[in-house]
PDB file of N, CA and C in Angstrom:
ATOM      1  N   ALA A   1     -25.752   0.121 -33.014  1.00  0.00           N
ATOM      2  CA  ALA A   1     -26.577   0.028 -31.817  1.00  0.00           C
ATOM      3  C   ALA A   1     -25.854   0.704 -30.668  1.00  0.00           C
ATOM      4  N   PRO A   2     -26.570   1.439 -29.818  1.00  0.00           N
ATOM      5  CA  PRO A   2     -25.930   2.102 -28.674  1.00  0.00           C
ATOM      6  C   PRO A   2     -25.484   1.070 -27.647  1.00  0.00           C
ATOM      7  N   PRO A   3     -24.397   1.370 -26.879  1.00  0.00           N
ATOM      8  CA  PRO A   3     -23.928   0.414 -25.877  1.00  0.00           C
ATOM      9  C   PRO A   3     -24.951   0.240 -24.769  1.00  0.00           C
ATOM     10  N   ARG A   4     -25.000  -0.959 -24.237  1.00  0.00           N
ATOM     11  CA  ARG A   4     -25.903  -1.232 -23.126  1.00  0.00           C
ATOM     12  C   ARG A   4     -25.460  -0.451 -21.897  1.00  0.00           C
ATOM     13  N   SER A   5     -26.382  -0.213 -20.981  1.00  0.00           N
ATOM     14  CA  SER A   5     -26.077   0.627 -19.820  1.00  0.00           C
ATOM     15  C   SER A   5     -25.028   0.000 -18.904  1.00  0.00           C
ATOM     16  N   GLY A   6     -24.916  -1.302 -18.845  1.00  0.00           N
ATOM     17  CA  GLY A   6     -23.958  -1.951 -17.957  1.00  0.00           C
ATOM     18  C   GLY A   6     -22.584  -2.157 -18.563  1.00  0.00           C
ATOM     19  N   SER A   7     -22.434  -1.955 -19.874  1.00  0.00           N
ATOM     20  CA  SER A   7     -21.152  -2.219 -20.512  1.00  0.00           C
ATOM     21  C   SER A   7     -20.287  -0.970 -20.516  1.00  0.00           C
ATOM     22  N   ARG A   8     -18.988  -1.185 -20.592  1.00  0.00           N
ATOM     23  CA  ARG A   8     -18.055  -0.068 -20.654  1.00  0.00           C
ATOM     24  C   ARG A   8     -17.903   0.406 -22.090  1.00  0.00           C
ATOM     25  N   ALA A   9     -17.723   1.697 -22.237  1.00  0.00           N
ATOM     26  CA  ALA A   9     -17.447   2.239 -23.564  1.00  0.00           C
ATOM     27  C   ALA A   9     -15.981   1.991 -23.881  1.00  0.00           C
ATOM     28  N   ALA A  10     -15.644   1.967 -25.159  1.00  0.00           N
ATOM     29  CA  ALA A  10     -14.256   1.754 -25.562  1.00  0.00           C
ATOM     30  C   ALA A  10     -13.402   2.921 -25.082  1.00  0.00           C
ATOM     31  N   ALA A  11     -12.171   2.614 -24.680  1.00  0.00           N
ATOM     32  CA  ALA A  11     -11.262   3.657 -24.216  1.00  0.00           C
ATOM     33  C   ALA A  11     -10.890   4.540 -25.388  1.00  0.00           C
ATOM     34  N   PRO A  12     -10.840   5.872 -25.186  1.00  0.00           N
ATOM     35  CA  PRO A  12     -10.541   6.761 -26.306  1.00  0.00           C
ATOM     36  C   PRO A  12      -9.157   6.548 -26.897  1.00  0.00           C
ATOM     37  N   GLY A  13      -8.181   6.099 -26.124  1.00  0.00           N
ATOM     38  CA  GLY A  13      -6.833   5.922 -26.631  1.00  0.00           C
ATOM     39  C   GLY A  13      -6.552   4.531 -27.149  1.00  0.00           C
ATOM     40  N   GLY A  14      -7.490   3.652 -27.113  1.00  0.00           N
ATOM     41  CA  GLY A  14      -7.287   2.291 -27.576  1.00  0.00           C
ATOM     42  C   GLY A  14      -7.087   1.317 -26.423  1.00  0.00           C
ATOM     43  N   PRO A  15      -6.836   0.059 -26.762  1.00  0.00           N
ATOM     44  CA  PRO A  15      -6.732  -0.971 -25.726  1.00  0.00           C
ATOM     45  C   PRO A  15      -5.526  -0.782 -24.794  1.00  0.00           C
ATOM     46  N   MET A  16      -4.416  -0.269 -25.320  1.00  0.00           N
ATOM     47  CA  MET A  16      -3.240  -0.082 -24.449  1.00  0.00           C
ATOM     48  C   MET A  16      -3.501   0.997 -23.407  1.00  0.00           C
ATOM     49  N   THR A  17      -4.236   2.026 -23.768  1.00  0.00           N
ATOM     50  CA  THR A  17      -4.602   3.064 -22.809  1.00  0.00           C
ATOM     51  C   THR A  17      -5.501   2.477 -21.732  1.00  0.00           C
ATOM     52  N   ALA A  18      -6.413   1.604 -22.129  1.00  0.00           N
ATOM     53  CA  ALA A  18      -7.300   0.965 -21.163  1.00  0.00           C
ATOM     54  C   ALA A  18      -6.502   0.084 -20.207  1.00  0.00           C
ATOM     55  N   VAL A  19      -5.547  -0.674 -20.743  1.00  0.00           N
ATOM     56  CA  VAL A  19      -4.714  -1.540 -19.901  1.00  0.00           C
ATOM     57  C   VAL A  19      -3.895  -0.692 -18.933  1.00  0.00           C
ATOM     58  N   PHE A  20      -3.277   0.382 -19.441  1.00  0.00           N
ATOM     59  CA  PHE A  20      -2.485   1.266 -18.575  1.00  0.00           C
ATOM     60  C   PHE A  20      -3.361   1.892 -17.492  1.00  0.00           C
ATOM     61  N   GLY A  21      -4.563   2.290 -17.860  1.00  0.00           N
ATOM     62  CA  GLY A  21      -5.487   2.868 -16.879  1.00  0.00           C
ATOM     63  C   GLY A  21      -5.863   1.875 -15.790  1.00  0.00           C
ATOM     64  N   GLU A  22      -6.089   0.636 -16.180  1.00  0.00           N
ATOM     65  CA  GLU A  22      -6.419  -0.395 -15.193  1.00  0.00           C
ATOM     66  C   GLU A  22      -5.233  -0.665 -14.261  1.00  0.00           C
ATOM     67  N   LEU A  23      -4.031  -0.735 -14.841  1.00  0.00           N
ATOM     68  CA  LEU A  23      -2.843  -0.957 -14.011  1.00  0.00           C
ATOM     69  C   LEU A  23      -2.607   0.210 -13.072  1.00  0.00           C
ATOM     70  N   LEU A  24      -2.784   1.418 -13.559  1.00  0.00           N
ATOM     71  CA  LEU A  24      -2.620   2.591 -12.708  1.00  0.00           C
ATOM     72  C   LEU A  24      -3.653   2.592 -11.592  1.00  0.00           C
ATOM     73  N   GLY A  25      -4.844   2.138 -11.900  1.00  0.00           N
ATOM     74  CA  GLY A  25      -5.901   2.067 -10.889  1.00  0.00           C
ATOM     75  C   GLY A  25      -5.562   1.126  -9.746  1.00  0.00           C
ATOM     76  N   LEU A  26      -4.722   0.129 -10.001  1.00  0.00           N
ATOM     77  CA  LEU A  26      -4.314  -0.785  -8.940  1.00  0.00           C
ATOM     78  C   LEU A  26      -3.470  -0.079  -7.889  1.00  0.00           C
ATOM     79  N   PHE A  27      -2.731   0.962  -8.300  1.00  0.00           N
ATOM     80  CA  PHE A  27      -1.769   1.607  -7.418  1.00  0.00           C
ATOM     81  C   PHE A  27      -2.201   2.985  -6.946  1.00  0.00           C
ATOM     82  N   VAL A  28      -3.440   3.360  -7.158  1.00  0.00           N
ATOM     83  CA  VAL A  28      -3.869   4.712  -6.805  1.00  0.00           C
ATOM     84  C   VAL A  28      -3.681   4.971  -5.312  1.00  0.00           C
ATOM     85  N   ASP A  29      -3.976   4.012  -4.483  1.00  0.00           N
ATOM     86  CA  ASP A  29      -3.882   4.211  -3.040  1.00  0.00           C
ATOM     87  C   ASP A  29      -2.458   4.137  -2.510  1.00  0.00           C
ATOM     88  N   ASP A  30      -1.563   3.496  -3.224  1.00  0.00           N
ATOM     89  CA  ASP A  30      -0.211   3.299  -2.702  1.00  0.00           C
ATOM     90  C   ASP A  30       0.811   3.582  -3.799  1.00  0.00           C
ATOM     91  N   LEU A  31       1.170   4.843  -3.933  1.00  0.00           N
ATOM     92  CA  LEU A  31       2.105   5.245  -4.969  1.00  0.00           C
ATOM     93  C   LEU A  31       3.491   4.658  -4.726  1.00  0.00           C
ATOM     94  N   TRP A  32       3.880   4.516  -3.470  1.00  0.00           N
ATOM     95  CA  TRP A  32       5.174   3.922  -3.125  1.00  0.00           C
ATOM     96  C   TRP A  32       5.262   2.518  -3.715  1.00  0.00           C
ATOM     97  N   LEU A  33       4.216   1.741  -3.559  1.00  0.00           N
ATOM     98  CA  LEU A  33       4.193   0.378  -4.091  1.00  0.00           C
ATOM     99  C   LEU A  33       4.341   0.390  -5.607  1.00  0.00           C
ATOM    100  N   ALA A  34       3.698   1.326  -6.268  1.00  0.00           N
ATOM    101  CA  ALA A  34       3.791   1.414  -7.723  1.00  0.00           C
ATOM    102  C   ALA A  34       5.220   1.718  -8.165  1.00  0.00           C
ATOM    103  N   PHE A  35       5.860   2.689  -7.530  1.00  0.00           N
ATOM    104  CA  PHE A  35       7.223   3.050  -7.917  1.00  0.00           C
ATOM    105  C   PHE A  35       8.210   1.924  -7.649  1.00  0.00           C
ATOM    106  N   VAL A  36       8.105   1.291  -6.508  1.00  0.00           N
ATOM    107  CA  VAL A  36       9.046   0.220  -6.172  1.00  0.00           C
ATOM    108  C   VAL A  36       8.831  -0.990  -7.083  1.00  0.00           C
ATOM    109  N   THR A  37       7.591  -1.304  -7.397  1.00  0.00           N
ATOM    110  CA  THR A  37       7.310  -2.422  -8.303  1.00  0.00           C
ATOM    111  C   THR A  37       7.874  -2.133  -9.696  1.00  0.00           C
ATOM    112  N   CYS A  38       7.635  -0.934 -10.188  1.00  0.00           N
ATOM    113  CA  CYS A  38       8.182  -0.568 -11.508  1.00  0.00           C
ATOM    114  C   CYS A  38       9.705  -0.577 -11.482  1.00  0.00           C
ATOM    115  N   GLY A  39      10.291  -0.133 -10.390  1.00  0.00           N
ATOM    116  CA  GLY A  39      11.746  -0.163 -10.259  1.00  0.00           C
ATOM    117  C   GLY A  39      12.290  -1.576 -10.265  1.00  0.00           C
ATOM    118  N   TRP A  40      11.611  -2.476  -9.570  1.00  0.00           N
ATOM    119  CA  TRP A  40      12.051  -3.872  -9.528  1.00  0.00           C
ATOM    120  C   TRP A  40      11.968  -4.519 -10.911  1.00  0.00           C
ATOM    121  N   VAL A  41      10.874  -4.242 -11.624  1.00  0.00           N
ATOM    122  CA  VAL A  41      10.705  -4.799 -12.969  1.00  0.00           C
ATOM    123  C   VAL A  41      11.778  -4.240 -13.905  1.00  0.00           C
ATOM    124  N   ALA A  42      12.044  -2.930 -13.812  1.00  0.00           N
ATOM    125  CA  ALA A  42      13.067  -2.317 -14.668  1.00  0.00           C
ATOM    126  C   ALA A  42      14.454  -2.868 -14.346  1.00  0.00           C
ATOM    127  N   LEU A  43      14.767  -3.003 -13.068  1.00  0.00           N
ATOM    128  CA  LEU A  43      16.068  -3.557 -12.665  1.00  0.00           C
ATOM    129  C   LEU A  43      16.226  -4.984 -13.175  1.00  0.00           C
ATOM    130  N   ALA A  44      15.177  -5.777 -13.049  1.00  0.00           N
ATOM    131  CA  ALA A  44      15.241  -7.161 -13.524  1.00  0.00           C
ATOM    132  C   ALA A  44      15.433  -7.204 -15.040  1.00  0.00           C
ATOM    133  N   ALA A  45      14.755  -6.324 -15.759  1.00  0.00           N
ATOM    134  CA  ALA A  45      14.892  -6.302 -17.221  1.00  0.00           C
ATOM    135  C   ALA A  45      16.307  -5.919 -17.634  1.00  0.00           C
ATOM    136  N   VAL A  46      16.873  -4.923 -16.976  1.00  0.00           N
ATOM    137  CA  VAL A  46      18.234  -4.489 -17.317  1.00  0.00           C
ATOM    138  C   VAL A  46      19.242  -5.584 -16.992  1.00  0.00           C
ATOM    139  N   LEU A  47      19.129  -6.162 -15.802  1.00  0.00           N
ATOM    140  CA  LEU A  47      20.084  -7.204 -15.410  1.00  0.00           C
ATOM    141  C   LEU A  47      19.976  -8.436 -16.301  1.00  0.00           C
ATOM    142  N   LEU A  48      18.764  -8.796 -16.672  1.00  0.00           N
ATOM    143  CA  LEU A  48      18.594  -9.971 -17.530  1.00  0.00           C
ATOM    144  C   LEU A  48      19.121  -9.705 -18.940  1.00  0.00           C
ATOM    145  N   SER A  49      18.999  -8.468 -19.400  1.00  0.00           N
ATOM    146  CA  SER A  49      19.545  -8.166 -20.732  1.00  0.00           C
ATOM    147  C   SER A  49      21.073  -8.151 -20.712  1.00  0.00           C
ATOM    148  N   LEU A  50      21.665  -7.787 -19.579  1.00  0.00           N
ATOM    149  CA  LEU A  50      23.126  -7.768 -19.479  1.00  0.00           C
ATOM    150  C   LEU A  50      23.710  -9.154 -19.211  1.00  0.00           C
ATOM    151  N   TYR A  51      22.999  -9.941 -18.433  1.00  0.00           N
ATOM    152  CA  TYR A  51      23.489 -11.263 -18.029  1.00  0.00           C
ATOM    153  C   TYR A  51      22.465 -12.322 -18.421  1.00  0.00           C
ATOM    154  N   ALA A  52      22.487 -12.722 -19.677  1.00  0.00           N
ATOM    155  CA  ALA A  52      21.503 -13.672 -20.192  1.00  0.00           C
ATOM    156  C   ALA A  52      21.638 -15.043 -19.529  1.00  0.00           C
ATOM    157  N   ARG A  53      22.830 -15.374 -19.046  1.00  0.00           N
ATOM    158  CA  ARG A  53      23.019 -16.681 -18.397  1.00  0.00           C
ATOM    159  C   ARG A  53      22.324 -16.756 -17.040  1.00  0.00           C
ATOM    160  N   ALA A  54      21.896 -15.625 -16.536  1.00  0.00           N
ATOM    161  CA  ALA A  54      21.263 -15.589 -15.218  1.00  0.00           C
ATOM    162  C   ALA A  54      19.755 -15.821 -15.290  1.00  0.00           C
ATOM    163  N   ALA A  55      19.284 -16.402 -16.375  1.00  0.00           N
ATOM    164  CA  ALA A  55      17.845 -16.598 -16.547  1.00  0.00           C
ATOM    165  C   ALA A  55      17.258 -17.543 -15.496  1.00  0.00           C
ATOM    166  N   ALA A  56      17.982 -18.592 -15.154  1.00  0.00           N
ATOM    167  CA  ALA A  56      17.451 -19.545 -14.168  1.00  0.00           C
ATOM    168  C   ALA A  56      17.328 -18.907 -12.777  1.00  0.00           C
ATOM    169  N   PRO A  57      18.381 -18.263 -12.251  1.00  0.00           N
ATOM    170  CA  PRO A  57      18.204 -17.604 -10.951  1.00  0.00           C
ATOM    171  C   PRO A  57      17.188 -16.459 -11.019  1.00  0.00           C
ATOM    172  N   ALA A  58      17.120 -15.778 -12.154  1.00  0.00           N
ATOM    173  CA  ALA A  58      16.171 -14.672 -12.292  1.00  0.00           C
ATOM    174  C   ALA A  58      14.732 -15.170 -12.221  1.00  0.00           C
ATOM    175  N   ALA A  59      14.499 -16.378 -12.702  1.00  0.00           N
ATOM    176  CA  ALA A  59      13.154 -16.944 -12.654  1.00  0.00           C
ATOM    177  C   ALA A  59      12.697 -17.154 -11.218  1.00  0.00           C
ATOM    178  N   VAL A  60      13.625 -17.309 -10.299  1.00  0.00           N
ATOM    179  CA  VAL A  60      13.286 -17.468  -8.883  1.00  0.00           C
ATOM    180  C   VAL A  60      13.297 -16.110  -8.179  1.00  0.00           C
ATOM    181  N   LEU A  61      14.298 -15.287  -8.483  1.00  0.00           N
ATOM    182  CA  LEU A  61      14.455 -14.017  -7.781  1.00  0.00           C
ATOM    183  C   LEU A  61      13.401 -12.983  -8.169  1.00  0.00           C
ATOM    184  N   PHE A  62      12.957 -12.994  -9.408  1.00  0.00           N
ATOM    185  CA  PHE A  62      11.986 -11.989  -9.840  1.00  0.00           C
ATOM    186  C   PHE A  62      10.678 -12.075  -9.055  1.00  0.00           C
ATOM    187  N   PRO A  63      10.009 -13.237  -9.006  1.00  0.00           N
ATOM    188  CA  PRO A  63       8.760 -13.285  -8.221  1.00  0.00           C
ATOM    189  C   PRO A  63       9.015 -13.143  -6.720  1.00  0.00           C
ATOM    190  N   ALA A  64      10.180 -13.602  -6.243  1.00  0.00           N
ATOM    191  CA  ALA A  64      10.490 -13.434  -4.822  1.00  0.00           C
ATOM    192  C   ALA A  64      10.640 -11.954  -4.487  1.00  0.00           C
ATOM    193  N   GLY A  65      11.264 -11.212  -5.388  1.00  0.00           N
ATOM    194  CA  GLY A  65      11.399  -9.770  -5.176  1.00  0.00           C
ATOM    195  C   GLY A  65      10.058  -9.067  -5.203  1.00  0.00           C
ATOM    196  N   LEU A  66       9.188  -9.465  -6.121  1.00  0.00           N
ATOM    197  CA  LEU A  66       7.851  -8.869  -6.159  1.00  0.00           C
ATOM    198  C   LEU A  66       7.065  -9.188  -4.893  1.00  0.00           C
ATOM    199  N   ALA A  67       7.218 -10.404  -4.393  1.00  0.00           N
ATOM    200  CA  ALA A  67       6.550 -10.758  -3.135  1.00  0.00           C
ATOM    201  C   ALA A  67       7.110  -9.931  -1.978  1.00  0.00           C
ATOM    202  N   GLY A  68       8.421  -9.710  -1.989  1.00  0.00           N
ATOM    203  CA  GLY A  68       9.038  -8.877  -0.957  1.00  0.00           C
ATOM    204  C   GLY A  68       8.555  -7.437  -1.023  1.00  0.00           C
ATOM    205  N   VAL A  69       8.407  -6.910  -2.218  1.00  0.00           N
ATOM    206  CA  VAL A  69       7.890  -5.544  -2.389  1.00  0.00           C
ATOM    207  C   VAL A  69       6.463  -5.462  -1.869  1.00  0.00           C
ATOM    208  N   LEU A  70       5.652  -6.456  -2.195  1.00  0.00           N
ATOM    209  CA  LEU A  70       4.268  -6.484  -1.724  1.00  0.00           C
ATOM    210  C   LEU A  70       4.204  -6.581  -0.200  1.00  0.00           C
ATOM    211  N   ALA A  71       5.047  -7.425   0.387  1.00  0.00           N
ATOM    212  CA  ALA A  71       5.077  -7.560   1.848  1.00  0.00           C
ATOM    213  C   ALA A  71       5.524  -6.258   2.508  1.00  0.00           C
ATOM    214  N   ALA A  72       6.525  -5.598   1.925  1.00  0.00           N
ATOM    215  CA  ALA A  72       6.987  -4.322   2.485  1.00  0.00           C
ATOM    216  C   ALA A  72       5.891  -3.266   2.400  1.00  0.00           C
ATOM    217  N   GLY A  73       5.162  -3.252   1.296  1.00  0.00           N
ATOM    218  CA  GLY A  73       4.055  -2.309   1.162  1.00  0.00           C
ATOM    219  C   GLY A  73       2.955  -2.580   2.172  1.00  0.00           C
ATOM    220  N   ALA A  74       2.658  -3.857   2.408  1.00  0.00           N
ATOM    221  CA  ALA A  74       1.640  -4.203   3.397  1.00  0.00           C
ATOM    222  C   ALA A  74       2.086  -3.798   4.802  1.00  0.00           C
ATOM    223  N   CYS A  75       3.368  -4.008   5.109  1.00  0.00           N
ATOM    224  CA  CYS A  75       3.894  -3.594   6.425  1.00  0.00           C
ATOM    225  C   CYS A  75       3.827  -2.083   6.585  1.00  0.00           C
ATOM    226  N   ARG A  76       4.173  -1.342   5.526  1.00  0.00           N
ATOM    227  CA  ARG A  76       4.102   0.122   5.586  1.00  0.00           C
ATOM    228  C   ARG A  76       2.682   0.582   5.868  1.00  0.00           C
ATOM    229  N   ARG A  77       1.723   0.010   5.170  1.00  0.00           N
ATOM    230  CA  ARG A  77       0.321   0.422   5.350  1.00  0.00           C
ATOM    231  C   ARG A  77      -0.190   0.032   6.725  1.00  0.00           C
ATOM    232  N   THR A  78       0.224  -1.144   7.225  1.00  0.00           N
ATOM    233  CA  THR A  78      -0.202  -1.576   8.552  1.00  0.00           C
ATOM    234  C   THR A  78       0.366  -0.668   9.626  1.00  0.00           C
ATOM    235  N   LEU A  79       1.650  -0.340   9.515  1.00  0.00           N
ATOM    236  CA  LEU A  79       2.265   0.557  10.498  1.00  0.00           C
ATOM    237  C   LEU A  79       1.639   1.941  10.446  1.00  0.00           C
ATOM    238  N   ALA A  80       1.330   2.426   9.257  1.00  0.00           N
ATOM    239  CA  ALA A  80       0.705   3.739   9.138  1.00  0.00           C
ATOM    240  C   ALA A  80      -0.689   3.730   9.760  1.00  0.00           C
ATOM    241  N   ALA A  81      -1.441   2.663   9.552  1.00  0.00           N
ATOM    242  CA  ALA A  81      -2.784   2.579  10.124  1.00  0.00           C
ATOM    243  C   ALA A  81      -2.718   2.419  11.635  1.00  0.00           C
ATOM    244  N   THR A  82      -1.737   1.666  12.127  1.00  0.00           N
ATOM    245  CA  THR A  82      -1.598   1.457  13.565  1.00  0.00           C
ATOM    246  C   THR A  82      -1.177   2.742  14.260  1.00  0.00           C
ATOM    247  N   SER A  83      -0.238   3.476  13.680  1.00  0.00           N
ATOM    248  CA  SER A  83       0.229   4.705  14.318  1.00  0.00           C
ATOM    249  C   SER A  83      -0.862   5.767  14.319  1.00  0.00           C
ATOM    250  N   ALA A  84      -1.779   5.706  13.381  1.00  0.00           N
ATOM    251  CA  ALA A  84      -2.876   6.667  13.356  1.00  0.00           C
ATOM    252  C   ALA A  84      -3.884   6.389  14.456  1.00  0.00           C
ATOM    253  N   ARG A  85      -3.940   5.147  14.946  1.00  0.00           N
ATOM    254  CA  ARG A  85      -4.917   4.785  15.967  1.00  0.00           C
ATOM    255  C   ARG A  85      -4.351   4.767  17.372  1.00  0.00           C
ATOM    256  N   VAL A  86      -3.057   4.993  17.553  1.00  0.00           N
ATOM    257  CA  VAL A  86      -2.453   4.945  18.886  1.00  0.00           C
ATOM    258  C   VAL A  86      -2.937   6.143  19.682  1.00  0.00           C
ATOM    259  N   PRO A  87      -3.550   5.899  20.860  1.00  0.00           N
ATOM    260  CA  PRO A  87      -4.046   7.027  21.654  1.00  0.00           C
ATOM    261  C   PRO A  87      -2.903   7.791  22.305  1.00  0.00           C
ATOM    262  N   ASP A  88      -3.139   9.037  22.570  1.00  0.00           N
ATOM    263  CA  ASP A  88      -2.168   9.880  23.248  1.00  0.00           C
ATOM    264  C   ASP A  88      -2.229   9.555  24.737  1.00  0.00           C
ATOM    265  N   VAL A  89      -1.163   8.984  25.294  1.00  0.00           N
ATOM    266  CA  VAL A  89      -1.147   8.513  26.679  1.00  0.00           C
ATOM    267  C   VAL A  89      -1.345   9.672  27.650  1.00  0.00           C
ATOM    268  N   ALA A  90      -0.694  10.793  27.416  1.00  0.00           N
ATOM    269  CA  ALA A  90      -0.815  11.934  28.314  1.00  0.00           C
ATOM    270  C   ALA A  90      -2.257  12.431  28.341  1.00  0.00           C
ATOM    271  N   THR A  91      -2.903  12.501  27.218  1.00  0.00           N
ATOM    272  CA  THR A  91      -4.277  12.976  27.166  1.00  0.00           C
ATOM    273  C   THR A  91      -5.202  12.013  27.883  1.00  0.00           C
ATOM    274  N   ASP A  92      -4.998  10.696  27.720  1.00  0.00           N
ATOM    275  CA  ASP A  92      -5.850   9.724  28.394  1.00  0.00           C
ATOM    276  C   ASP A  92      -5.683   9.779  29.903  1.00  0.00           C
ATOM    277  N   SER A  93      -4.449   9.933  30.401  1.00  0.00           N
ATOM    278  CA  SER A  93      -4.248   9.990  31.843  1.00  0.00           C
ATOM    279  C   SER A  93      -4.821  11.281  32.416  1.00  0.00           C
ATOM    280  N   GLN A  94      -4.743  12.378  31.671  1.00  0.00           N
ATOM    281  CA  GLN A  94      -5.333  13.627  32.130  1.00  0.00           C
ATOM    282  C   GLN A  94      -6.844  13.501  32.193  1.00  0.00           C
ATOM    283  N   ALA A  95      -7.431  12.856  31.216  1.00  0.00           N
ATOM    284  CA  ALA A  95      -8.881  12.668  31.210  1.00  0.00           C
ATOM    285  C   ALA A  95      -9.309  11.787  32.367  1.00  0.00           C
ATOM    286  N   ALA A  96      -8.511  10.787  32.715  1.00  0.00           N
ATOM    287  CA  ALA A  96      -8.845   9.910  33.843  1.00  0.00           C
ATOM    288  C   ALA A  96      -8.802  10.694  35.152  1.00  0.00           C
ATOM    289  N   ARG A  97      -7.821  11.601  35.306  1.00  0.00           N
ATOM    290  CA  ARG A  97      -7.741  12.401  36.525  1.00  0.00           C
ATOM    291  C   ARG A  97      -8.915  13.359  36.631  1.00  0.00           C
ATOM    292  N   ILE A  98      -9.398  13.857  35.551  1.00  0.00           N
ATOM    293  CA  ILE A  98     -10.538  14.781  35.591  1.00  0.00           C
ATOM    294  C   ILE A  98     -11.803  14.035  35.976  1.00  0.00           C
ATOM    295  N   ARG A  99     -11.976  12.820  35.481  1.00  0.00           N
ATOM    296  CA  ARG A  99     -13.177  12.039  35.776  1.00  0.00           C
ATOM    297  C   ARG A  99     -13.210  11.530  37.205  1.00  0.00           C
ATOM    298  N   GLU A 100     -12.037  11.160  37.767  1.00  0.00           N
ATOM    299  CA  GLU A 100     -11.987  10.597  39.116  1.00  0.00           C
ATOM    300  C   GLU A 100     -11.866  11.718  40.145  1.00  0.00           C
ATOM    301  N   PRO A 101     -12.620  11.610  41.253  1.00  0.00           N
ATOM    302  CA  PRO A 101     -12.463  12.624  42.301  1.00  0.00           C
ATOM    303  C   PRO A 101     -11.133  12.458  43.013  1.00  0.00           C
ATOM    304  N   ALA A 102     -10.661  13.501  43.650  1.00  0.00           N
ATOM    305  CA  ALA A 102      -9.400  13.447  44.394  1.00  0.00           C
ATOM    306  C   ALA A 102      -9.512  12.432  45.513  1.00  0.00           C
ATOM    307  N   ALA A 103      -8.384  11.851  45.912  1.00  0.00           N
ATOM    308  CA  ALA A 103      -8.396  10.773  46.915  1.00  0.00           C
ATOM    309  C   ALA A 103      -8.926  11.267  48.259  1.00  0.00           C
ATOM    310  N   GLY A 104      -8.640  12.462  48.672  1.00  0.00           N
ATOM    311  CA  GLY A 104      -9.083  12.963  49.977  1.00  0.00           C
ATOM    312  C   GLY A 104     -10.538  13.342  49.996  1.00  0.00           C
ATOM    313  N   THR A 105     -11.155  13.579  48.879  1.00  0.00           N
ATOM    314  CA  THR A 105     -12.550  14.024  48.841  1.00  0.00           C
ATOM    315  C   THR A 105     -13.510  12.915  48.458  1.00  0.00           C
ATOM    316  N   ALA A 106     -13.050  11.685  48.320  1.00  0.00           N
ATOM    317  CA  ALA A 106     -13.892  10.595  47.850  1.00  0.00           C
ATOM    318  C   ALA A 106     -15.014  10.288  48.846  1.00  0.00           C
ATOM    319  N   GLY A 107     -14.726  10.283  50.151  1.00  0.00           N
ATOM    320  CA  GLY A 107     -15.730   9.926  51.131  1.00  0.00           C
ATOM    321  C   GLY A 107     -16.508  11.112  51.643  1.00  0.00           C
ATOM    322  N   LYS A 108     -16.110  12.332  51.434  1.00  0.00           N
ATOM    323  CA  LYS A 108     -16.753  13.534  51.951  1.00  0.00           C
ATOM    324  C   LYS A 108     -17.767  14.066  50.969  1.00  0.00           C
ATOM    325  N   GLN A 109     -18.965  14.326  51.461  1.00  0.00           N
ATOM    326  CA  GLN A 109     -19.979  14.978  50.640  1.00  0.00           C
ATOM    327  C   GLN A 109     -20.906  15.770  51.471  1.00  0.00           C
TER     328      GLN A 109
END
């Protein structure tokens, strides 16, 4: 039977390709966040494999680090959005001077 119009077709590479595609889709807008998150996961995996006794502190530090990465990414995006909206002060003051008549000519017409 043909797939229904609302359902997704199977991924050509199998389920792992579909999972990877979905995960990649989470980071399309913020590549920095994707790289730092992958770096944190890789660092945690390497350190845990080298120091197996550190499992208890790692259980606390791993999610805390991911939360820190997420917070840093949110701050980066907020600062980028804010700096894009900051008006040019010189341009605004020049526009105000053009709109307002000179002080000596205000009462004369």
